[in-house]
Amino acid sequence: MDGKGSWRDNVFVERLWRSVKYEEIYLKAYESVEHARKSIANYLTWYNQKRPHSSLSARTPDEAYFAMLPAIKTAA
């Protein structure tokens, strides 16, 4: 299967949500929806800005993404 609807389309999002569920949601008992939203937002900030990822050579997703921006701008 290649193209729209390919399994590769969702692999990264599914992996992210697995991390959110197992590292944040399942470990906490939220007091309210507002508390859950704030806690998940804090987790996503940590996940993107402070947590090193082995698949990114121990860089954070923000470091990996923003390091590529100058190369993308010069290519365009």
Protein backbone atom coordinates (compact mmCIF):
# COMPACT_ATOMS: atom_id res chain seq x y z
CA MET A 1 0.00 0.00 0.00
CA ASP A 2 1.61 3.22 -1.13
CA GLY A 3 0.12 6.69 -1.14
CA LYS A 4 -2.89 8.07 0.69
CA GLY A 5 -4.07 5.71 3.41
CA SER A 6 -0.66 4.10 3.83
CA TRP A 7 0.19 2.72 7.27
CA ARG A 8 3.21 5.06 7.36
CA ASP A 9 0.90 8.08 7.49
CA ASN A 10 -0.11 7.40 11.09
CA VAL A 11 2.98 5.72 12.53
CA PHE A 12 4.46 8.87 14.11
CA VAL A 13 1.18 10.13 15.55
CA GLU A 14 0.30 6.70 16.92
CA ARG A 15 3.73 6.47 18.60
CA LEU A 16 3.30 9.93 20.15
CA TRP A 17 -0.14 9.08 21.55
CA ARG A 18 1.17 5.80 22.94
CA SER A 19 3.82 7.77 24.83
CA VAL A 20 1.25 10.30 26.08
CA LYS A 21 -1.05 7.54 27.33
CA TYR A 22 1.57 5.39 29.06
CA GLU A 23 3.81 8.16 30.42
CA GLU A 24 1.14 10.69 31.41
CA ILE A 25 -2.54 9.79 31.29
CA TYR A 26 -2.52 6.28 32.76
CA LEU A 27 -0.30 7.37 35.65
CA LYS A 28 -2.49 10.19 36.92
CA ALA A 29 -5.97 10.67 38.29
CA TYR A 30 -7.06 14.07 37.04
CA GLU A 31 -9.31 16.21 39.21
CA SER A 32 -11.08 17.83 36.26
CA VAL A 33 -10.96 18.21 32.50
CA GLU A 34 -9.10 21.51 32.93
CA HIS A 35 -6.49 19.82 35.12
CA ALA A 36 -6.08 17.06 32.51
CA ARG A 37 -5.61 19.60 29.71
CA LYS A 38 -2.96 21.52 31.64
CA SER A 39 -1.13 18.38 32.65
CA ILE A 40 -1.11 16.96 29.11
CA ALA A 41 0.01 20.34 27.72
CA ASN A 42 2.90 20.35 30.22
CA TYR A 43 3.80 16.79 29.20
CA LEU A 44 3.83 17.69 25.49
CA THR A 45 6.04 20.71 26.20
CA TRP A 46 8.45 18.49 28.11
CA TYR A 47 8.29 15.80 25.40
CA ASN A 48 9.19 18.26 22.64
CA GLN A 49 11.59 20.60 24.42
CA LYS A 50 13.39 18.67 27.16
CA ARG A 51 13.14 14.91 26.60
CA PRO A 52 15.99 13.52 24.47
CA HIS A 53 14.96 10.89 21.94
CA SER A 54 17.25 8.02 20.99
CA SER A 55 15.97 8.05 17.40
CA LEU A 56 17.10 11.69 17.12
CA SER A 57 20.65 11.04 18.38
CA ALA A 58 19.76 12.17 21.92
CA ARG A 59 18.31 15.47 20.68
CA THR A 60 14.87 16.78 21.50
CA PRO A 61 12.28 17.02 18.71
CA ASP A 62 12.54 20.82 18.83
CA GLU A 63 16.33 20.69 18.44
CA ALA A 64 16.06 18.31 15.50
CA TYR A 65 13.33 20.31 13.77
CA PHE A 66 14.77 23.79 14.24
CA ALA A 67 18.24 22.64 13.20
CA MET A 68 16.79 21.69 9.80
CA LEU A 69 15.00 25.01 9.16
CA PRO A 70 18.00 26.93 7.75
CA ALA A 71 18.66 24.12 5.27
CA ILE A 72 15.01 24.08 4.22
CA LYS A 73 14.95 27.85 3.68
CA THR A 74 18.08 27.83 1.51
CA ALA A 75 16.74 24.94 -0.58
CA ALA A 76 13.53 26.80 -1.41
